[in-house]
Amino acid sequence: MMSYQYTAIGDSLTTGFGALPGNGFVPVYRRMAEARLRTPIRLTNLGINGLTTDGLEQRLKADYNFRLAVSDADLITISIGGNDLIKAVRRQAAVRVICHRCSRKRCAIANGTSATS
């Protein structure tokens, strides 16, 4: 009997963090694919809570088993970037706190200009 290999890579959305068991998008996608293709789907879930795009790139470059699972896959889903956005928002919030405390009109950060402008 024919089957497909499904590899899911990504962050906490891929691991199913916060979802009831079996209700994250990976197992739901697997069930949908099995129904649509009418064949079993083997799953390798390479999700890592907190993974960023840089972390994913490093794993793809450095981890042979990670690369092998991706290269052997017939179906691949990638869910990445949420943690990068969270970090960017936190950095921006920290800049706002600093700028709020620094009320100087010449402050390059507060004015959105570089120190050389």
N, C-alpha and C. Protein backbone atom coordinates (compact mmCIF):
# COMPACT_ATOMS: atom_id res chain seq x y z
N MET A 1 0.84 -1.18 0.00
CA MET A 1 0.00 0.00 0.00
C MET A 1 0.88 1.24 0.00
N MET A 2 0.54 2.16 -0.85
CA MET A 2 1.29 3.41 -0.93
C MET A 2 1.03 4.27 0.30
N SER A 3 2.06 5.00 0.72
CA SER A 3 1.89 5.97 1.80
C SER A 3 2.76 7.17 1.50
N TYR A 4 2.49 8.25 2.19
CA TYR A 4 3.26 9.48 2.04
C TYR A 4 3.95 9.81 3.36
N GLN A 5 5.10 10.47 3.23
CA GLN A 5 5.83 10.95 4.40
C GLN A 5 5.57 12.44 4.54
N TYR A 6 5.07 12.84 5.68
CA TYR A 6 4.77 14.24 5.98
C TYR A 6 5.73 14.71 7.06
N THR A 7 6.48 15.77 6.79
CA THR A 7 7.38 16.37 7.76
C THR A 7 6.91 17.78 8.05
N ALA A 8 6.69 18.05 9.32
CA ALA A 8 6.28 19.38 9.77
C ALA A 8 7.46 20.02 10.49
N ILE A 9 7.83 21.22 10.07
CA ILE A 9 8.92 21.94 10.74
C ILE A 9 8.42 23.30 11.17
N GLY A 10 8.92 23.75 12.31
CA GLY A 10 8.53 25.06 12.77
C GLY A 10 8.60 25.22 14.28
N ASP A 11 7.79 26.14 14.75
CA ASP A 11 7.81 26.57 16.15
C ASP A 11 6.67 25.91 16.94
N SER A 12 6.20 26.61 17.95
CA SER A 12 5.18 26.04 18.84
C SER A 12 3.86 25.73 18.14
N LEU A 13 3.56 26.41 17.05
CA LEU A 13 2.36 26.06 16.29
C LEU A 13 2.50 24.64 15.73
N THR A 14 3.71 24.29 15.35
CA THR A 14 3.98 22.97 14.80
C THR A 14 3.91 21.91 15.89
N THR A 15 4.40 22.23 17.10
CA THR A 15 4.36 21.25 18.19
C THR A 15 2.94 21.05 18.71
N GLY A 16 2.07 22.02 18.43
CA GLY A 16 0.70 21.95 18.94
C GLY A 16 0.55 22.57 20.31
N PHE A 17 1.53 23.37 20.71
CA PHE A 17 1.48 24.02 22.02
C PHE A 17 0.19 24.82 22.18
N GLY A 18 -0.50 24.56 23.26
CA GLY A 18 -1.74 25.27 23.55
C GLY A 18 -2.99 24.63 22.98
N ALA A 19 -2.82 23.66 22.10
CA ALA A 19 -3.98 22.98 21.52
C ALA A 19 -4.24 21.69 22.30
N LEU A 20 -5.48 21.26 22.27
CA LEU A 20 -5.80 19.96 22.86
C LEU A 20 -5.07 18.88 22.07
N PRO A 21 -4.68 17.78 22.72
CA PRO A 21 -3.97 16.71 22.01
C PRO A 21 -4.71 16.28 20.74
N GLY A 22 -3.98 16.24 19.65
CA GLY A 22 -4.56 15.83 18.37
C GLY A 22 -5.28 16.93 17.63
N ASN A 23 -5.32 18.15 18.20
CA ASN A 23 -6.06 19.24 17.57
C ASN A 23 -5.19 20.38 17.07
N GLY A 24 -3.88 20.24 17.16
CA GLY A 24 -3.01 21.24 16.56
C GLY A 24 -3.10 21.14 15.04
N PHE A 25 -2.51 22.09 14.34
CA PHE A 25 -2.68 22.08 12.89
C PHE A 25 -1.99 20.89 12.23
N VAL A 26 -0.90 20.39 12.82
CA VAL A 26 -0.19 19.27 12.19
C VAL A 26 -1.03 18.00 12.16
N PRO A 27 -1.57 17.53 13.29
CA PRO A 27 -2.41 16.33 13.20
C PRO A 27 -3.69 16.56 12.40
N VAL A 28 -4.24 17.76 12.44
CA VAL A 28 -5.44 18.06 11.64
C VAL A 28 -5.09 18.00 10.15
N TYR A 29 -3.96 18.60 9.79
CA TYR A 29 -3.54 18.56 8.38
C TYR A 29 -3.29 17.11 7.94
N ARG A 30 -2.65 16.34 8.81
CA ARG A 30 -2.39 14.93 8.48
C ARG A 30 -3.70 14.18 8.20
N ARG A 31 -4.69 14.36 9.07
CA ARG A 31 -5.99 13.69 8.87
C ARG A 31 -6.66 14.15 7.58
N MET A 32 -6.59 15.45 7.31
CA MET A 32 -7.18 15.98 6.08
C MET A 32 -6.48 15.40 4.85
N ALA A 33 -5.15 15.32 4.91
CA ALA A 33 -4.39 14.78 3.78
C ALA A 33 -4.70 13.30 3.57
N GLU A 34 -4.80 12.55 4.68
CA GLU A 34 -5.15 11.12 4.56
C GLU A 34 -6.52 10.94 3.92
N ALA A 35 -7.47 11.77 4.32
CA ALA A 35 -8.82 11.68 3.75
C ALA A 35 -8.80 12.05 2.27
N ARG A 36 -8.09 13.10 1.95
CA ARG A 36 -8.05 13.59 0.57
C ARG A 36 -7.30 12.62 -0.36
N LEU A 37 -6.16 12.11 0.13
CA LEU A 37 -5.32 11.22 -0.69
C LEU A 37 -5.73 9.76 -0.59
N ARG A 38 -6.56 9.46 0.41
CA ARG A 38 -7.05 8.10 0.64
C ARG A 38 -5.89 7.10 0.80
N THR A 39 -4.92 7.52 1.58
CA THR A 39 -3.76 6.69 1.86
C THR A 39 -3.14 7.12 3.19
N PRO A 40 -2.44 6.22 3.86
CA PRO A 40 -1.82 6.58 5.13
C PRO A 40 -0.73 7.64 4.96
N ILE A 41 -0.61 8.47 5.97
CA ILE A 41 0.42 9.51 6.00
C ILE A 41 1.29 9.25 7.24
N ARG A 42 2.59 9.04 7.01
CA ARG A 42 3.53 8.91 8.12
C ARG A 42 4.00 10.31 8.49
N LEU A 43 4.11 10.58 9.78
CA LEU A 43 4.40 11.93 10.26
C LEU A 43 5.73 11.99 11.01
N THR A 44 6.53 13.00 10.67
CA THR A 44 7.69 13.39 11.46
C THR A 44 7.46 14.84 11.85
N ASN A 45 7.29 15.09 13.14
CA ASN A 45 7.05 16.45 13.62
C ASN A 45 8.35 16.99 14.21
N LEU A 46 8.93 17.97 13.53
CA LEU A 46 10.18 18.59 13.95
C LEU A 46 9.94 19.96 14.58
N GLY A 47 8.76 20.16 15.14
CA GLY A 47 8.45 21.42 15.79
C GLY A 47 9.24 21.59 17.08
N ILE A 48 9.64 22.83 17.34
CA ILE A 48 10.40 23.17 18.54
C ILE A 48 9.81 24.45 19.11
N ASN A 49 9.30 24.38 20.33
CA ASN A 49 8.76 25.58 20.97
C ASN A 49 9.84 26.66 21.04
N GLY A 50 9.47 27.88 20.65
CA GLY A 50 10.40 29.01 20.73
C GLY A 50 11.33 29.15 19.54
N LEU A 51 11.24 28.27 18.56
CA LEU A 51 12.14 28.32 17.41
C LEU A 51 11.93 29.61 16.61
N THR A 52 13.04 30.21 16.17
CA THR A 52 13.00 31.41 15.33
C THR A 52 13.48 31.05 13.92
N THR A 53 13.37 31.98 13.00
CA THR A 53 13.84 31.72 11.64
C THR A 53 15.34 31.45 11.64
N ASP A 54 16.10 32.19 12.45
CA ASP A 54 17.55 31.93 12.54
C ASP A 54 17.81 30.52 13.07
N GLY A 55 17.05 30.13 14.09
CA GLY A 55 17.20 28.79 14.66
C GLY A 55 16.87 27.71 13.65
N LEU A 56 15.83 27.92 12.87
CA LEU A 56 15.46 26.95 11.83
C LEU A 56 16.57 26.84 10.79
N GLU A 57 17.09 27.98 10.38
CA GLU A 57 18.18 27.97 9.40
C GLU A 57 19.39 27.20 9.95
N GLN A 58 19.73 27.43 11.20
CA GLN A 58 20.87 26.73 11.80
C GLN A 58 20.62 25.22 11.86
N ARG A 59 19.41 24.82 12.22
CA ARG A 59 19.11 23.38 12.28
C ARG A 59 19.20 22.75 10.89
N LEU A 60 18.70 23.44 9.88
CA LEU A 60 18.77 22.90 8.53
C LEU A 60 20.22 22.79 8.05
N LYS A 61 21.07 23.71 8.48
CA LYS A 61 22.47 23.67 8.08
C LYS A 61 23.27 22.63 8.87
N ALA A 62 23.01 22.51 10.16
CA ALA A 62 23.90 21.74 11.03
C ALA A 62 23.40 20.35 11.42
N ASP A 63 22.11 20.09 11.33
CA ASP A 63 21.55 18.84 11.83
C ASP A 63 21.22 17.90 10.67
N TYR A 64 22.05 16.88 10.50
CA TYR A 64 21.86 15.93 9.39
C TYR A 64 20.49 15.26 9.44
N ASN A 65 20.05 14.83 10.62
CA ASN A 65 18.75 14.15 10.74
C ASN A 65 17.59 15.07 10.39
N PHE A 66 17.72 16.34 10.72
CA PHE A 66 16.72 17.34 10.36
C PHE A 66 16.63 17.44 8.83
N ARG A 67 17.79 17.60 8.19
CA ARG A 67 17.82 17.70 6.73
C ARG A 67 17.29 16.44 6.07
N LEU A 68 17.65 15.28 6.63
CA LEU A 68 17.19 14.01 6.07
C LEU A 68 15.67 13.89 6.13
N ALA A 69 15.09 14.28 7.27
CA ALA A 69 13.63 14.21 7.41
C ALA A 69 12.94 15.12 6.39
N VAL A 70 13.53 16.27 6.12
CA VAL A 70 12.95 17.19 5.14
C VAL A 70 13.13 16.63 3.73
N SER A 71 14.31 16.12 3.43
CA SER A 71 14.55 15.62 2.07
C SER A 71 13.75 14.36 1.76
N ASP A 72 13.43 13.57 2.77
CA ASP A 72 12.63 12.35 2.56
C ASP A 72 11.13 12.61 2.51
N ALA A 73 10.71 13.82 2.78
CA ALA A 73 9.28 14.13 2.88
C ALA A 73 8.62 14.27 1.51
N ASP A 74 7.39 13.78 1.45
CA ASP A 74 6.53 14.03 0.30
C ASP A 74 5.69 15.28 0.51
N LEU A 75 5.36 15.52 1.78
CA LEU A 75 4.58 16.70 2.18
C LEU A 75 5.36 17.42 3.27
N ILE A 76 5.42 18.74 3.18
CA ILE A 76 6.13 19.54 4.19
C ILE A 76 5.28 20.75 4.53
N THR A 77 5.15 21.02 5.83
CA THR A 77 4.59 22.30 6.25
C THR A 77 5.66 23.02 7.05
N ILE A 78 5.68 24.34 6.89
CA ILE A 78 6.63 25.19 7.62
C ILE A 78 5.83 26.27 8.32
N SER A 79 6.00 26.36 9.62
CA SER A 79 5.35 27.40 10.41
C SER A 79 6.43 28.05 11.25
N ILE A 80 6.84 29.23 10.84
CA ILE A 80 7.95 29.91 11.52
C ILE A 80 7.75 31.42 11.42
N GLY A 81 8.29 32.14 12.36
CA GLY A 81 8.26 33.60 12.29
C GLY A 81 7.55 34.26 13.46
N GLY A 82 6.67 33.53 14.13
CA GLY A 82 5.94 34.12 15.25
C GLY A 82 6.86 34.59 16.36
N ASN A 83 7.87 33.80 16.68
CA ASN A 83 8.80 34.19 17.74
C ASN A 83 9.68 35.36 17.32
N ASP A 84 9.98 35.46 16.03
CA ASP A 84 10.72 36.62 15.53
C ASP A 84 9.90 37.89 15.72
N LEU A 85 8.60 37.82 15.44
CA LEU A 85 7.73 38.98 15.63
C LEU A 85 7.62 39.37 17.10
N ILE A 86 7.51 38.38 17.96
CA ILE A 86 7.42 38.66 19.40
C ILE A 86 8.69 39.38 19.86
N LYS A 87 9.85 38.91 19.42
CA LYS A 87 11.12 39.56 19.80
C LYS A 87 11.19 40.99 19.27
N ALA A 88 10.72 41.20 18.05
CA ALA A 88 10.75 42.54 17.46
C ALA A 88 9.84 43.50 18.24
N VAL A 89 8.67 43.01 18.63
CA VAL A 89 7.74 43.84 19.41
C VAL A 89 8.35 44.19 20.77
N ARG A 90 8.98 43.21 21.39
CA ARG A 90 9.62 43.47 22.70
C ARG A 90 10.74 44.48 22.58
N ARG A 91 11.55 44.38 21.51
CA ARG A 91 12.63 45.36 21.30
C ARG A 91 12.04 46.76 21.10
N GLN A 92 10.98 46.84 20.31
CA GLN A 92 10.35 48.14 20.05
C GLN A 92 9.79 48.73 21.33
N ALA A 93 9.18 47.89 22.17
CA ALA A 93 8.64 48.36 23.45
C ALA A 93 9.76 48.87 24.35
N ALA A 94 10.90 48.20 24.34
CA ALA A 94 12.04 48.63 25.15
C ALA A 94 12.56 49.98 24.66
N VAL A 95 12.60 50.19 23.35
CA VAL A 95 13.03 51.47 22.80
C VAL A 95 12.07 52.58 23.22
N ARG A 96 10.77 52.28 23.20
CA ARG A 96 9.79 53.29 23.61
C ARG A 96 9.96 53.68 25.08
N VAL A 97 10.27 52.70 25.93
CA VAL A 97 10.49 53.00 27.34
C VAL A 97 11.71 53.91 27.48
N ILE A 98 12.78 53.58 26.77
CA ILE A 98 13.99 54.40 26.83
C ILE A 98 13.70 55.79 26.32
N CYS A 99 12.99 55.89 25.20
CA CYS A 99 12.70 57.19 24.61
C CYS A 99 11.76 58.01 25.49
N HIS A 100 10.83 57.35 26.16
CA HIS A 100 9.93 58.06 27.06
C HIS A 100 10.71 58.71 28.20
N ARG A 101 11.71 58.00 28.68
CA ARG A 101 12.55 58.53 29.76
C ARG A 101 13.48 59.62 29.25
N CYS A 102 13.84 59.53 27.99
CA CYS A 102 14.75 60.50 27.40
C CYS A 102 13.92 61.51 26.62
N SER A 103 13.60 62.60 27.22
CA SER A 103 12.70 63.57 26.58
C SER A 103 13.46 64.65 25.82
N ARG A 104 14.75 64.44 25.60
CA ARG A 104 15.54 65.44 24.86
C ARG A 104 15.07 65.52 23.41
N LYS A 105 14.91 66.69 22.90
CA LYS A 105 14.46 66.87 21.52
C LYS A 105 15.52 66.44 20.51
N ARG A 106 16.76 66.40 20.91
CA ARG A 106 17.83 66.00 20.00
C ARG A 106 18.08 64.50 20.00
N CYS A 107 17.31 63.77 20.73
CA CYS A 107 17.51 62.33 20.85
C CYS A 107 17.25 61.67 19.49
N ALA A 108 18.27 61.04 18.94
CA ALA A 108 18.16 60.41 17.62
C ALA A 108 17.15 59.26 17.63
N ILE A 109 17.11 58.50 18.70
CA ILE A 109 16.18 57.38 18.77
C ILE A 109 14.76 57.89 18.80
N ALA A 110 14.48 58.87 19.64
CA ALA A 110 13.12 59.39 19.78
C ALA A 110 12.63 60.03 18.48
N ASN A 111 13.55 60.62 17.73
CA ASN A 111 13.17 61.27 16.49
C ASN A 111 13.21 60.33 15.27
N GLY A 112 13.59 59.10 15.50
CA GLY A 112 13.63 58.12 14.42
C GLY A 112 14.72 58.37 13.40
N THR A 113 15.77 59.03 13.81
CA THR A 113 16.89 59.29 12.92
C THR A 113 18.14 58.65 13.47
N SER A 114 19.13 58.52 12.64
CA SER A 114 20.40 57.97 13.11
C SER A 114 21.21 59.07 13.76
N ALA A 115 22.22 58.70 14.48
CA ALA A 115 23.08 59.66 15.17
C ALA A 115 23.85 60.52 14.19
N THR A 116 24.00 60.07 12.94
CA THR A 116 24.77 60.82 11.96
C THR A 116 23.89 61.71 11.09
N SER A 117 22.58 61.62 11.21
CA SER A 117 21.68 62.41 10.36
C SER A 117 21.69 63.86 10.75
